[in-house]
Protein backbone atom coordinates (compact mmCIF):
# COMPACT_ATOMS: atom_id res chain seq x y z
CA MET A 1 0.05 0.11 -0.04
CA GLN A 2 1.64 3.20 -1.18
CA HIS A 3 0.56 6.65 -0.28
CA THR A 4 0.67 9.17 -3.08
CA CYS A 5 1.77 12.38 -1.33
CA THR A 6 3.43 15.79 -1.72
CA THR A 7 6.51 16.86 0.21
CA PHE A 8 7.70 20.38 1.04
CA LEU A 9 11.06 21.23 2.68
CA ALA A 10 12.66 24.41 3.86
CA GLY A 11 16.13 25.21 5.30
CA LYS A 12 16.64 27.43 8.29
CA LYS A 13 17.65 30.40 6.42
CA ALA A 14 14.68 30.17 4.07
CA THR A 15 12.13 30.40 6.93
CA ILE A 16 10.81 33.45 8.62
CA ASP A 17 11.98 32.40 12.14
CA GLY A 18 15.05 30.32 11.50
CA SER A 19 13.26 27.04 11.86
CA THR A 20 13.73 23.94 9.65
CA ILE A 21 10.66 22.58 8.16
CA ILE A 22 9.80 19.23 6.64
CA CYS A 23 6.19 18.68 5.54
CA ARG A 24 4.24 16.09 3.75
CA GLU A 25 0.55 15.64 3.03
CA GLU A 26 -0.36 11.99 2.96
CA ASP A 27 -2.93 10.62 0.39
CA TYR A 28 -4.84 7.35 -0.15
CA GLY A 29 -7.19 5.99 -2.69
CA ASN A 30 -10.86 7.01 -2.94
CA SER A 31 -11.71 5.36 0.27
CA PHE A 32 -11.24 6.08 4.01
CA ASP A 33 -8.00 5.11 5.85
CA PRO A 34 -8.44 6.61 9.39
CA GLN A 35 -5.35 8.11 10.89
CA ARG A 36 -4.11 8.59 14.57
CA PHE A 37 -1.65 10.93 16.33
CA VAL A 38 0.29 9.00 18.94
CA LEU A 39 3.37 9.17 21.18
CA ILE A 40 5.65 6.04 21.10
CA LYS A 41 7.61 5.67 24.34
CA PRO A 42 10.69 3.51 24.46
CA GLU A 43 8.88 0.77 26.26
CA GLY A 44 6.29 0.72 23.46
CA GLN A 45 8.76 0.29 20.70
CA PRO A 46 8.80 -3.30 19.36
CA ARG A 47 11.85 -5.59 20.24
CA GLU A 48 11.33 -7.94 17.34
CA TYR A 49 9.91 -6.06 14.39
CA ARG A 50 7.94 -7.93 11.65
CA SER A 51 6.72 -6.47 8.43
CA LYS A 52 3.17 -7.09 7.29
CA ASN A 53 4.01 -6.76 3.53
CA THR A 54 7.15 -9.02 3.38
CA ASN A 55 9.06 -11.59 5.30
CA PHE A 56 11.35 -9.00 6.79
CA LYS A 57 11.99 -9.27 10.63
CA LEU A 58 14.64 -7.62 12.71
CA LYS A 59 15.62 -7.59 16.46
CA LEU A 60 15.63 -4.00 17.71
CA PRO A 61 17.20 -2.59 20.80
CA ILE A 62 15.07 -0.52 23.30
CA PRO A 63 15.69 3.04 22.27
CA LYS A 64 16.19 5.90 24.64
CA LEU A 65 14.05 8.31 22.58
CA LYS A 66 10.26 8.75 22.48
CA TYR A 67 8.72 10.12 19.28
CA THR A 68 5.39 11.44 17.88
CA SER A 69 3.88 9.52 15.01
CA THR A 70 0.75 9.54 12.75
CA PRO A 71 0.15 5.82 11.95
CA ASP A 72 -3.04 4.25 10.42
CA ALA A 73 -5.79 3.62 12.93
CA SER A 74 -5.68 -0.09 11.93
CA ASP A 75 -2.36 -1.87 11.80
CA LYS A 76 -3.60 -4.87 9.84
CA GLU A 77 -1.49 -3.78 6.82
CA GLY A 78 1.35 -2.37 8.83
CA VAL A 79 2.18 0.56 11.08
CA PHE A 80 2.85 3.26 8.40
CA GLY A 81 4.08 5.76 11.03
CA ALA A 82 4.23 8.47 8.43
CA GLY A 83 6.09 11.15 10.33
CA GLY A 84 7.12 12.58 13.62
CA ILE A 85 9.67 14.25 15.95
CA ASN A 86 11.70 12.32 18.47
CA SER A 87 13.04 13.55 21.86
CA ALA A 88 16.49 14.56 20.32
CA ASN A 89 14.39 17.11 18.17
CA VAL A 90 15.00 15.11 14.94
CA ALA A 91 12.06 14.99 12.51
CA MET A 92 11.39 12.36 9.88
CA THR A 93 8.64 11.98 7.18
CA ALA A 94 8.21 8.73 5.33
CA THR A 95 7.33 8.31 2.55
CA GLU A 96 6.76 10.15 -0.66
CA THR A 97 5.99 7.59 -3.35
CA ILE A 98 8.32 8.28 -6.33
CA THR A 99 8.97 6.82 -9.74
CA THR A 100 11.74 4.69 -11.32
CA ASN A 101 12.40 3.17 -14.70
CA ALA A 102 12.86 -0.17 -16.27
CA LEU A 103 16.64 0.23 -16.80
CA VAL A 104 17.29 0.84 -13.13
CA LEU A 105 15.08 -2.03 -12.14
CA SER A 106 16.64 -4.40 -14.64
CA TYR A 107 19.94 -4.02 -12.81
CA ASP A 108 18.70 -3.78 -9.30
CA PRO A 109 15.20 -5.27 -8.88
CA PHE A 110 12.88 -4.68 -5.92
CA ASN A 111 13.15 -7.09 -3.14
CA ASN A 112 9.49 -8.22 -2.84
CA GLU A 113 10.20 -11.11 -0.53
CA SER A 114 12.07 -9.65 2.43
CA GLY A 115 12.54 -5.94 1.77
CA ILE A 116 11.37 -2.92 3.75
CA GLY A 117 9.16 0.04 2.74
CA GLU A 118 6.86 2.85 3.78
CA GLU A 119 5.19 0.55 6.36
CA ASP A 120 8.40 0.15 8.27
CA PHE A 121 10.79 3.12 7.93
CA VAL A 122 9.62 5.39 10.70
CA THR A 123 9.60 2.55 13.27
CA LEU A 124 12.94 1.34 12.28
CA VAL A 125 14.70 4.67 12.17
CA LEU A 126 13.15 7.52 14.16
CA PRO A 127 13.59 6.30 17.71
CA TYR A 128 17.33 5.67 17.25
CA ILE A 129 18.68 8.83 15.61
CA LYS A 130 20.09 12.15 17.15
CA SER A 131 20.65 14.12 13.92
CA ALA A 132 19.07 14.33 10.48
CA LYS A 133 22.27 13.02 8.80
CA GLU A 134 22.31 10.00 11.21
CA GLY A 135 18.76 9.28 9.89
CA VAL A 136 20.00 9.08 6.27
CA LYS A 137 22.91 6.82 7.35
CA ARG A 138 20.73 4.46 9.48
CA LEU A 139 18.03 4.01 6.86
CA GLY A 140 20.62 3.76 4.02
CA GLU A 141 22.35 0.92 5.87
CA LEU A 142 18.99 -0.88 6.17
CA LEU A 143 18.16 -0.28 2.52
CA SER A 144 21.53 -1.49 1.29
CA LYS A 145 21.29 -4.62 3.48
CA TYR A 146 17.76 -5.60 3.09
CA GLY A 147 16.59 -3.82 -0.02
CA THR A 148 13.13 -2.26 -0.63
CA TYR A 149 10.13 -3.35 -2.63
CA GLU A 150 8.96 0.17 -3.79
CA ALA A 151 10.33 3.57 -4.86
CA ASN A 152 10.12 5.99 -2.00
CA ALA A 153 11.51 9.47 -0.81
CA ILE A 154 12.21 10.29 2.84
CA ALA A 155 13.15 13.53 4.56
CA PHE A 156 14.90 14.16 7.88
CA SER A 157 15.58 17.42 9.80
CA ASP A 158 17.19 18.68 12.89
CA LYS A 159 17.66 22.38 14.16
CA ASN A 160 20.34 22.95 11.51
CA GLU A 161 19.89 20.66 8.61
CA VAL A 162 17.34 19.24 6.21
CA TRP A 163 18.15 16.00 4.27
CA TYR A 164 16.18 14.55 1.43
CA MET A 165 16.61 10.90 0.43
CA GLU A 166 15.40 8.81 -2.50
CA THR A 167 15.60 5.10 -3.11
CA ILE A 168 16.99 3.80 -6.41
CA GLY A 169 15.98 0.33 -7.40
CA GLY A 170 16.03 -2.37 -4.86
CA HIS A 171 19.20 -1.63 -2.82
CA HIS A 172 20.52 1.77 -3.94
CA TRP A 173 19.81 5.22 -2.64
CA ALA A 174 20.90 8.88 -2.74
CA ALA A 175 20.49 11.76 -0.28
CA ILE A 176 21.32 15.38 -0.41
CA ARG A 177 21.39 18.21 2.17
CA ILE A 178 19.05 20.89 1.24
CA PRO A 179 20.85 24.39 1.40
CA ASP A 180 19.91 26.48 4.30
CA ASP A 181 18.39 29.21 2.18
CA ALA A 182 16.42 26.94 -0.15
CA TYR A 183 13.16 25.03 -0.41
CA VAL A 184 12.03 21.93 -2.09
CA ILE A 185 8.58 20.80 -3.49
CA ALA A 186 8.55 17.16 -4.23
CA PRO A 187 5.56 15.38 -5.96
CA ASN A 188 5.28 11.67 -6.81
CA ARG A 189 8.33 11.35 -9.16
CA PHE A 190 12.05 11.09 -8.77
CA ASN A 191 13.08 14.63 -7.66
CA ILE A 192 16.85 15.00 -7.15
CA THR A 193 18.52 16.43 -10.15
CA ASN A 194 22.31 17.36 -10.15
CA PHE A 195 24.24 15.16 -7.76
CA ASP A 196 27.81 15.77 -6.85
CA PHE A 197 29.29 12.54 -5.47
CA ASP A 198 32.32 14.32 -3.95
CA SER A 199 30.34 17.01 -2.03
CA PRO A 200 30.05 16.80 1.80
CA ASN A 201 26.37 17.68 1.30
CA THR A 202 25.63 14.33 -0.40
CA ILE A 203 25.50 10.73 0.73
CA SER A 204 24.69 7.68 -1.39
CA SER A 205 24.82 3.83 -1.35
CA PHE A 206 28.15 2.25 -1.79
CA GLY A 207 29.37 2.15 -5.28
CA LEU A 208 26.27 4.09 -6.73
CA LYS A 209 28.42 6.20 -9.19
CA GLU A 210 30.30 3.06 -10.46
CA TRP A 211 27.07 1.22 -10.75
CA ILE A 212 25.54 4.02 -12.87
CA ASP A 213 28.74 4.15 -15.06
CA ASN A 214 29.22 0.37 -15.44
CA ASN A 215 25.62 -0.20 -16.57
CA ASP A 216 25.59 2.81 -19.00
CA LEU A 217 22.57 4.46 -17.13
CA ASN A 218 23.72 8.10 -17.65
CA ALA A 219 22.54 9.53 -20.97
CA ASP A 220 23.65 13.14 -20.19
CA GLN A 221 26.89 14.52 -21.70
CA SER A 222 28.14 15.73 -18.30
CA GLY A 223 27.33 15.44 -14.53
CA TYR A 224 24.88 13.20 -12.89
CA ASN A 225 21.18 14.27 -13.09
CA LEU A 226 19.67 11.56 -10.92
CA ARG A 227 16.12 12.35 -12.10
CA HIS A 228 17.29 11.66 -15.74
CA ILE A 229 19.19 8.56 -14.72
CA CYS A 230 16.81 6.98 -12.18
CA GLY A 231 13.36 8.41 -12.67
CA SER A 232 10.56 8.40 -15.27
CA GLU A 233 9.51 10.81 -17.96
CA THR A 234 5.99 9.53 -18.59
CA ILE A 235 2.77 11.10 -19.74
CA THR A 236 1.50 10.45 -16.26
CA ASP A 237 4.24 12.66 -14.80
CA THR A 238 3.06 15.58 -16.99
CA VAL A 239 -0.31 15.69 -15.58
CA TYR A 240 -0.05 13.89 -12.17
CA ASN A 241 3.22 15.25 -10.71
CA ASN A 242 4.89 18.13 -12.55
CA PRO A 243 2.07 20.65 -12.28
CA ARG A 244 2.06 20.35 -8.49
CA ALA A 245 5.70 21.43 -8.35
CA TRP A 246 5.09 24.11 -11.04
CA TYR A 247 2.24 25.69 -9.01
CA VAL A 248 4.22 25.99 -5.73
CA GLN A 249 7.21 27.31 -7.51
CA GLN A 250 5.02 29.89 -9.19
CA GLN A 251 3.61 31.02 -5.77
CA LEU A 252 7.13 31.33 -4.25
CA GLY A 253 8.63 33.42 -7.16
CA THR A 254 10.25 30.71 -9.22
CA PRO A 255 8.49 31.32 -12.55
CA ASN A 256 8.28 28.45 -15.09
CA ILE A 257 6.13 28.70 -18.18
CA ASN A 258 5.33 24.98 -18.68
CA PRO A 259 3.51 23.31 -15.81
CA GLN A 260 4.10 19.91 -17.51
CA SER A 261 7.85 20.08 -17.89
CA ASN A 262 9.93 17.22 -16.64
CA ASP A 263 12.72 19.51 -15.86
CA LEU A 264 11.38 21.89 -13.36
CA PRO A 265 14.11 22.72 -10.75
CA PHE A 266 14.61 20.68 -7.63
CA ILE A 267 16.46 23.15 -5.39
CA CYS A 268 14.57 26.44 -5.33
CA TYR A 269 14.78 29.85 -3.63
CA SER A 270 11.81 31.70 -2.46
CA LYS A 271 11.53 35.50 -2.96
CA LYS A 272 10.05 35.84 0.60
CA LYS A 273 10.61 34.07 3.90
CA ILE A 274 8.67 30.96 4.39
CA SER A 275 6.23 30.55 7.32
CA VAL A 276 4.04 27.67 8.53
CA PRO A 277 0.77 29.50 7.41
CA MET A 278 2.37 29.82 3.95
CA VAL A 279 3.19 26.20 3.85
CA LYS A 280 -0.37 25.21 4.83
CA LYS A 281 -1.68 27.51 2.18
CA LEU A 282 0.53 25.68 -0.50
CA MET A 283 -0.44 22.22 0.76
CA SER A 284 -4.10 23.32 0.56
CA SER A 285 -3.70 24.46 -3.16
CA HIS A 286 -5.82 23.31 -6.10
CA TYR A 287 -4.42 25.65 -8.69
CA GLN A 288 -6.39 28.66 -7.52
CA GLY A 289 -5.99 31.65 -9.81
CA THR A 290 -5.41 29.39 -12.81
CA ASN A 291 -7.52 27.75 -15.51
CA TYR A 292 -6.69 24.43 -13.82
CA ASP A 293 -8.75 24.84 -10.67
CA PRO A 294 -11.34 21.97 -10.38
CA TYR A 295 -13.75 24.33 -8.69
CA SER A 296 -13.81 26.39 -11.83
CA LEU A 297 -14.43 23.46 -14.13
CA LYS A 298 -17.05 20.94 -14.81
CA GLN A 299 -16.63 17.63 -12.91
CA GLY A 300 -14.13 15.47 -14.73
CA GLU A 301 -12.50 18.29 -16.64
CA ALA A 302 -9.56 19.07 -14.36
CA PRO A 303 -6.48 18.35 -16.39
CA PHE A 304 -3.97 18.18 -13.56
CA ARG A 305 -3.85 16.44 -10.18
CA SER A 306 -3.69 19.13 -7.48
CA ILE A 307 -2.04 18.93 -3.97
CA ALA A 308 -5.29 19.29 -2.04
CA LEU A 309 -7.92 16.71 -2.97
CA ASN A 310 -10.48 14.43 -1.40
CA ARG A 311 -7.86 11.72 -0.83
CA ASN A 312 -5.75 13.76 1.71
CA LEU A 313 -5.47 11.71 4.89
CA GLU A 314 -3.31 13.92 7.02
CA LEU A 315 -0.94 16.79 6.91
CA HIS A 316 2.09 17.14 9.10
CA ILE A 317 4.45 20.10 9.18
CA LEU A 318 7.37 19.17 11.37
CA GLN A 319 9.05 22.26 12.67
CA ILE A 320 12.35 22.45 14.72
CA ARG A 321 12.74 25.83 16.23
CA GLY A 322 16.35 26.39 16.58
CA ASN A 323 16.15 29.64 18.51
CA LEU A 324 14.31 28.18 21.53
CA PRO A 325 15.28 25.84 24.36
CA THR A 326 15.48 22.24 23.21
CA ASN A 327 12.60 21.02 25.42
CA ILE A 328 9.98 23.17 23.50
CA ALA A 329 11.78 23.34 20.12
CA GLY A 330 9.89 20.55 18.32
CA VAL A 331 6.39 21.29 16.98
CA HIS A 332 4.32 18.63 15.27
CA TRP A 333 1.88 20.73 13.31
CA LEU A 334 -1.00 18.35 12.40
CA ALA A 335 -4.26 18.25 10.43
CA PHE A 336 -6.43 15.33 9.40
CA GLY A 337 -8.46 14.98 6.32
CA PRO A 338 -8.77 16.98 2.95
CA ASN A 339 -6.52 20.08 3.19
CA THR A 340 -9.08 22.38 1.68
CA PHE A 341 -11.26 22.10 4.66
CA ASN A 342 -8.87 21.48 7.62
CA ALA A 343 -6.55 23.44 9.93
CA VAL A 344 -3.16 22.61 11.28
CA VAL A 345 -2.53 22.73 15.00
CA PRO A 346 0.92 23.33 16.46
CA PHE A 347 1.20 20.44 18.84
CA TYR A 348 4.38 20.22 20.93
CA ALA A 349 6.36 17.09 20.41
CA ASN A 350 7.83 16.86 23.90
CA VAL A 351 4.75 15.46 25.66
CA ASP A 352 3.60 12.45 27.72
CA ASP A 353 0.64 11.69 25.32
CA THR A 354 -1.44 13.11 22.57
CA PRO A 355 -4.96 14.65 22.59
CA ASP A 356 -7.78 12.13 22.67
CA ALA A 357 -9.66 13.34 19.68
CA TYR A 358 -6.52 12.83 17.49
CA ARG A 359 -5.27 9.69 19.26
CA ASN A 360 -8.16 7.36 19.64
CA THR A 361 -9.48 7.40 16.00
CA SER A 362 -12.03 4.76 15.44
CA THR A 363 -12.01 2.67 12.22
CA ASP A 364 -15.76 3.29 12.09
CA TYR A 365 -17.40 6.67 11.75
CA SER A 366 -17.38 8.90 14.84
CA ILE A 367 -18.06 12.66 14.86
CA ASP A 368 -15.98 12.84 18.01
CA ASP A 369 -12.69 11.95 16.15
CA MET A 370 -11.03 14.80 14.27
CA TYR A 371 -10.31 12.60 11.29
CA TRP A 372 -14.01 11.87 10.73
CA LEU A 373 -15.19 15.31 11.74
CA THR A 374 -12.97 16.81 9.03
CA HIS A 375 -14.26 14.43 6.36
CA THR A 376 -17.80 15.37 7.33
CA ILE A 377 -17.02 19.02 6.91
CA THR A 378 -15.42 18.40 3.52
CA ALA A 379 -18.33 16.29 2.26
CA ILE A 380 -20.69 19.19 2.75
CA GLY A 381 -18.25 22.04 2.05
CA ASP A 382 -16.98 20.63 -1.27
CA HIS A 383 -20.54 20.76 -2.75
CA ASN A 384 -20.97 24.39 -1.70
CA TYR A 385 -17.38 25.46 -2.13
CA ARG A 386 -17.90 29.08 -3.50
CA GLN A 387 -20.23 29.98 -0.69
CA ALA A 388 -18.33 27.90 1.92
CA GLN A 389 -14.93 29.43 1.11
CA SER A 390 -15.16 32.43 3.39
CA LEU A 391 -16.44 30.22 6.21
CA GLU A 392 -13.51 27.86 5.77
CA GLU A 393 -10.99 30.76 5.55
CA ASN A 394 -12.37 32.21 8.87
CA PHE A 395 -12.20 28.80 10.46
CA GLU A 396 -8.56 28.37 9.61
CA LEU A 397 -7.86 31.91 10.84
CA GLN A 398 -9.49 31.18 14.21
CA VAL A 399 -7.83 27.90 14.83
CA MET A 400 -4.31 29.12 13.86
CA SER A 401 -4.62 32.36 15.83
CA LYS A 402 -6.04 30.84 18.95
CA THR A 403 -3.60 27.87 19.10
CA LEU A 404 -0.61 30.08 18.31
CA SER A 405 -1.56 32.36 20.99
CA LEU A 406 -1.59 29.45 23.39
CA GLN A 407 1.87 28.40 21.98
CA HIS A 408 3.26 31.97 22.55
CA GLN A 409 2.16 31.79 26.25
CA ALA A 410 3.41 28.19 26.75
CA ASP A 411 6.82 29.11 25.41
CA VAL A 412 7.20 31.70 28.04
CA LYS A 413 5.61 29.74 30.82
CA SER A 414 7.66 26.73 30.14
CA GLU A 415 10.87 28.39 31.17
CA GLY A 416 12.46 26.62 34.22
CA ARG A 417 9.61 24.09 34.70
CA GLN A 418 10.54 20.66 35.92
CA ASP A 419 7.29 19.09 34.72
CA ILE A 420 7.80 20.41 31.19
CA SER A 421 6.42 17.38 29.19
CA ALA A 422 3.37 17.04 31.54
CA TYR A 423 2.80 20.82 31.06
CA LEU A 424 3.03 20.71 27.28
CA THR A 425 0.61 17.78 27.29
CA THR A 426 -2.12 19.97 28.88
CA VAL A 427 -1.28 22.71 26.35
CA ASN A 428 -1.83 20.31 23.52
CA ASP A 429 -5.08 19.16 24.98
CA GLN A 430 -6.24 22.79 24.99
CA MET A 431 -5.17 23.29 21.41
CA ALA A 432 -7.06 20.15 20.39
CA GLU A 433 -10.25 21.41 22.18
CA ILE A 434 -10.00 24.70 20.20
CA ALA A 435 -9.65 22.84 16.95
CA MET A 436 -12.61 20.56 17.74
CA ASN A 437 -14.81 23.41 18.90
CA GLU A 438 -14.02 25.59 15.80
CA SER A 439 -14.48 22.49 13.50
CA LYS A 440 -17.87 21.76 15.01
CA LYS A 441 -18.94 25.36 14.58
CA LEU A 442 -17.83 25.26 10.94
CA LEU A 443 -19.81 21.94 10.46
CA GLY A 444 -22.89 23.75 11.84
CA ASP A 445 -22.50 26.65 9.53
CA LEU A 446 -22.02 24.40 6.58
CA VAL A 447 -25.18 22.41 7.47
CA LYS A 448 -27.15 25.63 7.55
CA LEU A 449 -25.66 26.74 4.24
CA ALA A 450 -26.26 23.41 2.52
CA PHE A 451 -29.91 23.41 3.75
CA THR A 452 -30.69 26.54 1.94
CA ASN A 453 -29.31 25.08 -1.24
CA GLU A 454 -31.28 21.83 -1.09
CA LYS A 455 -32.98 21.07 -4.47
CA LEU A 456 -36.11 19.73 -2.78
CA GLN A 457 -37.80 23.16 -2.21
CA PHE A 458 -41.11 24.73 -3.20
């Protein structure tokens, strides 16, 4: 089971407050896949890990680090931890489904029998790493030894660095440190372009350069453009993947004429400092202001897949605030459901537990769970979008302003506290209550709006 997502990364000099940001919105098929927000403590980490998708198994040590995570509500197909922040203030998101090509797979096939994949990555890596680069190396060692059965991208961050990693075939991989003043928008395709094997800002599987050369995989006259070498250039890319990158780059001042181009840049530089509200706006985009917006077209006419759509499961924006004490630096911003009708909440990562409405998501419908509440809002709001738009915008404004106000107060009140994680747990509960109350208010307003638009009138 792969999740077709969109990833956004920003270095510390590219953001408005010096934070590092790694963000991914997680998608699924046209069905429900309830999500949870949990805290995994060292004693809750498995000692003998077994994959549900392959025969992979591995004995694990008990980690010293706890971590937040957003797994599936049901683990019958695997954990799918998705993303989180550990108590060393290292963030990880896994995974972005990417593409490969037949030549790559002919020389290094997937390991479908005993490999690891999206299901496993967060559980196997996040509780054991103390830096972003360490995360790349730990996952890289596992991939080289055991292989993978799918093509995926992963991102790591700490207070100083952001690293982006892509798998290549069954056992190879490449990772690159994102420049501090740069951002990346990565849809479901191979994204890394120019790769300098001699740079201290790149890491790759052993012998990757020689493997590329020996198997005549590089068609370029010079350099190593990994997207050309390892990725795809399909018709699907031109309508499903490339336009998403194009739209975000347009919004941040990187103009490109052709939304379908396979050669859109990988490393980009924004004309203005990047903030979390800006990231949320980008992750909620559906080509507003263009001729490609589905809300401006008849059903079935939308030519390009957008970032926001009905299949969004959850959105995490993992922020490490380098200018604050370590015990409050990690913020796991989170929203469930379609991004057009949700709001991200700045949950502290250094806590004892997560809020009930986000943690105990039922696999069956329940209006008391944020996952199901957001989907209910979307089901009504989507059919009345033009009239509901201002209601939704005000809803996001209220949630973000009120929860950020709480965060500002908690940042100050946390200084010198001995019970910091317990205190931040209560603050998160208050934030969740704000988000739930505002969501229910929005739902009520949308029901009133929809009622006046009912066809059965006389």
